[in-house]
Amino acid sequence: MATPPPSQPPTTTAAAEQLGTDWLQSRPGAHFTLQLLGGRSEKSLRDYLRQNHIPEPVATFRTVFKGDDWYVLVHGDFPDSATARAAVATLPPTVRKGKPWARSFVSIHTDMQKTRP
C-alpha cells in the first residue's frame, strides 16, 4: 500500500490568486490593510510572494500610477490603522524591510477605479 504524500500548507501564491478585486471590494471601507509592495509587473509581485512567507490573507490589484499600470500587493484586514501597524511585527523580516504601511480599504477601492487614459 502506497503512503500518501505529506499534506502541504496552502501557498501564499495560491492565496494571492484566489483573493483579488472581489475580496478587496467586499472589505469595509473603514477597515485597514497593509500595502507590502507595488510595481509595474504583476509577475514581480507573484515572484515576491513565492520568495517570502506572507501569512494569508493576501491580495493583489491593478491601478494606475504615473500614467501606467501599477500592481499592488496587500496583506490582511484590520479594524483600524493601529491594529494594522501592529501587525507589521508579525511579518517576515524580509517583508518588514520594505516598510509596509497601513492604508484604508476605501483608498484601495478608489485606486481600483483608476484606469489609464
C-alpha atoms as a PDB file:
ATOM      1  CA  MET A   1       0.000   0.000   0.000  1.00  0.00           C
ATOM      2  CA  ALA A   2       1.459   3.354  -1.044  1.00  0.00           C
ATOM      3  CA  THR A   3       1.939   6.042   1.543  1.00  0.00           C
ATOM      4  CA  PRO A   4       0.055   9.225   0.639  1.00  0.00           C
ATOM      5  CA  PRO A   5       2.249  12.265   0.092  1.00  0.00           C
ATOM      6  CA  PRO A   6       2.507  14.565   3.099  1.00  0.00           C
ATOM      7  CA  SER A   7      -0.026  17.350   3.090  1.00  0.00           C
ATOM      8  CA  GLN A   8       1.424  20.732   2.328  1.00  0.00           C
ATOM      9  CA  PRO A   9       0.186  24.040   3.679  1.00  0.00           C
ATOM     10  CA  PRO A  10      -1.520  26.344   1.200  1.00  0.00           C
ATOM     11  CA  THR A  11       0.940  28.543  -0.610  1.00  0.00           C
ATOM     12  CA  THR A  12       0.764  32.283  -0.475  1.00  0.00           C
ATOM     13  CA  THR A  13       0.790  32.300  -4.259  1.00  0.00           C
ATOM     14  CA  ALA A  14      -2.442  30.301  -4.329  1.00  0.00           C
ATOM     15  CA  ALA A  15      -3.948  32.677  -1.794  1.00  0.00           C
ATOM     16  CA  ALA A  16      -2.995  35.699  -3.861  1.00  0.00           C
ATOM     17  CA  GLU A  17      -4.574  34.170  -6.929  1.00  0.00           C
ATOM     18  CA  GLN A  18      -7.776  33.463  -5.020  1.00  0.00           C
ATOM     19  CA  LEU A  19      -8.057  36.874  -3.381  1.00  0.00           C
ATOM     20  CA  GLY A  20      -8.320  39.738  -5.764  1.00  0.00           C
ATOM     21  CA  THR A  21     -10.656  42.538  -6.599  1.00  0.00           C
ATOM     22  CA  ASP A  22     -13.833  40.805  -5.385  1.00  0.00           C
ATOM     23  CA  TRP A  23     -12.332  40.187  -1.946  1.00  0.00           C
ATOM     24  CA  LEU A  24     -10.893  43.684  -1.758  1.00  0.00           C
ATOM     25  CA  GLN A  25     -14.175  45.342  -2.767  1.00  0.00           C
ATOM     26  CA  SER A  26     -16.042  43.314  -0.145  1.00  0.00           C
ATOM     27  CA  ARG A  27     -13.898  44.723   2.692  1.00  0.00           C
ATOM     28  CA  PRO A  28     -15.427  47.536   4.769  1.00  0.00           C
ATOM     29  CA  GLY A  29     -14.008  50.879   3.654  1.00  0.00           C
ATOM     30  CA  ALA A  30     -13.224  51.880   7.243  1.00  0.00           C
ATOM     31  CA  HIS A  31     -11.001  48.815   7.760  1.00  0.00           C
ATOM     32  CA  PHE A  32      -7.275  48.824   7.011  1.00  0.00           C
ATOM     33  CA  THR A  33      -4.782  46.593   5.251  1.00  0.00           C
ATOM     34  CA  LEU A  34      -1.006  46.643   4.844  1.00  0.00           C
ATOM     35  CA  GLN A  35       0.428  47.595   1.498  1.00  0.00           C
ATOM     36  CA  LEU A  36       3.501  45.416   1.081  1.00  0.00           C
ATOM     37  CA  LEU A  37       4.673  46.113  -2.432  1.00  0.00           C
ATOM     38  CA  GLY A  38       3.820  47.926  -5.620  1.00  0.00           C
ATOM     39  CA  GLY A  39       5.326  47.622  -9.061  1.00  0.00           C
ATOM     40  CA  ARG A  40       4.877  47.751 -12.808  1.00  0.00           C
ATOM     41  CA  SER A  41       4.806  43.965 -13.183  1.00  0.00           C
ATOM     42  CA  GLU A  42       2.227  41.612 -11.743  1.00  0.00           C
ATOM     43  CA  LYS A  43       4.782  38.837 -12.207  1.00  0.00           C
ATOM     44  CA  SER A  44       7.191  40.619  -9.845  1.00  0.00           C
ATOM     45  CA  LEU A  45       4.506  40.546  -7.126  1.00  0.00           C
ATOM     46  CA  ARG A  46       3.928  36.829  -7.678  1.00  0.00           C
ATOM     47  CA  ASP A  47       7.695  36.223  -7.512  1.00  0.00           C
ATOM     48  CA  TYR A  48       7.840  38.216  -4.270  1.00  0.00           C
ATOM     49  CA  LEU A  49       5.097  36.030  -2.808  1.00  0.00           C
ATOM     50  CA  ARG A  50       6.979  32.872  -3.756  1.00  0.00           C
ATOM     51  CA  GLN A  51      10.178  34.172  -2.143  1.00  0.00           C
ATOM     52  CA  ASN A  52       8.573  35.312   1.125  1.00  0.00           C
ATOM     53  CA  HIS A  53       6.256  33.575   3.547  1.00  0.00           C
ATOM     54  CA  ILE A  54       3.494  36.120   3.910  1.00  0.00           C
ATOM     55  CA  PRO A  55       0.557  34.973   6.023  1.00  0.00           C
ATOM     56  CA  GLU A  56      -2.920  34.902   4.489  1.00  0.00           C
ATOM     57  CA  PRO A  57      -4.934  36.798   3.503  1.00  0.00           C
ATOM     58  CA  VAL A  58      -3.018  38.447   0.699  1.00  0.00           C
ATOM     59  CA  ALA A  59      -4.430  40.057  -2.406  1.00  0.00           C
ATOM     60  CA  THR A  60      -3.281  41.913  -5.479  1.00  0.00           C
ATOM     61  CA  PHE A  61      -4.970  44.569  -7.545  1.00  0.00           C
ATOM     62  CA  ARG A  62      -4.213  46.750 -10.536  1.00  0.00           C
ATOM     63  CA  THR A  63      -4.404  50.519 -10.551  1.00  0.00           C
ATOM     64  CA  VAL A  64      -2.726  53.367 -12.421  1.00  0.00           C
ATOM     65  CA  PHE A  65       0.316  55.243 -11.123  1.00  0.00           C
ATOM     66  CA  LYS A  66       2.066  57.988 -13.105  1.00  0.00           C
ATOM     67  CA  GLY A  67       0.020  57.083 -16.171  1.00  0.00           C
ATOM     68  CA  ASP A  68       0.892  53.369 -16.320  1.00  0.00           C
ATOM     69  CA  ASP A  69      -0.449  50.148 -14.850  1.00  0.00           C
ATOM     70  CA  TRP A  70       0.643  49.596 -11.260  1.00  0.00           C
ATOM     71  CA  TYR A  71       0.169  46.345  -9.354  1.00  0.00           C
ATOM     72  CA  VAL A  72      -0.196  46.357  -5.584  1.00  0.00           C
ATOM     73  CA  LEU A  73       0.190  43.556  -3.028  1.00  0.00           C
ATOM     74  CA  VAL A  74      -1.673  43.896   0.274  1.00  0.00           C
ATOM     75  CA  HIS A  75      -1.986  41.763   3.384  1.00  0.00           C
ATOM     76  CA  GLY A  76      -4.723  41.471   5.984  1.00  0.00           C
ATOM     77  CA  ASP A  77      -7.985  43.058   7.030  1.00  0.00           C
ATOM     78  CA  PHE A  78      -7.694  45.028  10.251  1.00  0.00           C
ATOM     79  CA  PRO A  79     -10.372  47.005  12.106  1.00  0.00           C
ATOM     80  CA  ASP A  80      -8.222  50.136  12.443  1.00  0.00           C
ATOM     81  CA  SER A  81      -4.906  51.696  11.488  1.00  0.00           C
ATOM     82  CA  ALA A  82      -3.226  50.957  14.829  1.00  0.00           C
ATOM     83  CA  THR A  83      -4.017  47.252  14.577  1.00  0.00           C
ATOM     84  CA  ALA A  84      -2.710  47.165  11.013  1.00  0.00           C
ATOM     85  CA  ARG A  85       0.529  48.915  12.006  1.00  0.00           C
ATOM     86  CA  ALA A  86       0.982  46.491  14.917  1.00  0.00           C
ATOM     87  CA  ALA A  87       0.605  43.558  12.506  1.00  0.00           C
ATOM     88  CA  VAL A  88       3.777  44.628  10.682  1.00  0.00           C
ATOM     89  CA  ALA A  89       5.710  42.945  13.518  1.00  0.00           C
ATOM     90  CA  THR A  90       4.170  39.573  12.567  1.00  0.00           C
ATOM     91  CA  LEU A  91       5.518  39.706   9.011  1.00  0.00           C
ATOM     92  CA  PRO A  92       8.771  38.027   7.958  1.00  0.00           C
ATOM     93  CA  PRO A  93      11.878  40.226   8.390  1.00  0.00           C
ATOM     94  CA  THR A  94      12.436  40.420   4.634  1.00  0.00           C
ATOM     95  CA  VAL A  95       8.928  41.836   4.190  1.00  0.00           C
ATOM     96  CA  ARG A  96       9.319  44.287   7.089  1.00  0.00           C
ATOM     97  CA  LYS A  97      12.436  45.697   5.361  1.00  0.00           C
ATOM     98  CA  GLY A  98      10.121  47.004   2.632  1.00  0.00           C
ATOM     99  CA  LYS A  99       8.374  49.177   5.244  1.00  0.00           C
ATOM    100  CA  PRO A 100       4.763  48.042   4.765  1.00  0.00           C
ATOM    101  CA  TRP A 101       2.261  50.756   5.500  1.00  0.00           C
ATOM    102  CA  ALA A 102      -1.323  50.793   6.692  1.00  0.00           C
ATOM    103  CA  ARG A 103      -3.928  52.025   4.278  1.00  0.00           C
ATOM    104  CA  SER A 104      -7.682  52.074   4.368  1.00  0.00           C
ATOM    105  CA  PHE A 105      -9.748  49.874   2.134  1.00  0.00           C
ATOM    106  CA  VAL A 106     -11.640  52.974   0.993  1.00  0.00           C
ATOM    107  CA  SER A 107      -8.364  54.251  -0.509  1.00  0.00           C
ATOM    108  CA  ILE A 108      -7.879  50.893  -2.223  1.00  0.00           C
ATOM    109  CA  HIS A 109     -11.441  50.960  -3.558  1.00  0.00           C
ATOM    110  CA  THR A 110     -10.685  54.396  -5.031  1.00  0.00           C
ATOM    111  CA  ASP A 111      -7.389  53.235  -6.554  1.00  0.00           C
ATOM    112  CA  MET A 112      -9.070  50.196  -8.112  1.00  0.00           C
ATOM    113  CA  GLN A 113     -11.346  52.509 -10.091  1.00  0.00           C
ATOM    114  CA  LYS A 114      -8.425  54.288 -11.774  1.00  0.00           C
ATOM    115  CA  THR A 115      -7.819  53.448 -15.405  1.00  0.00           C
ATOM    116  CA  ARG A 116      -5.248  54.560 -17.927  1.00  0.00           C
ATOM    117  CA  PRO A 117      -6.306  57.499 -20.098  1.00  0.00           C
END
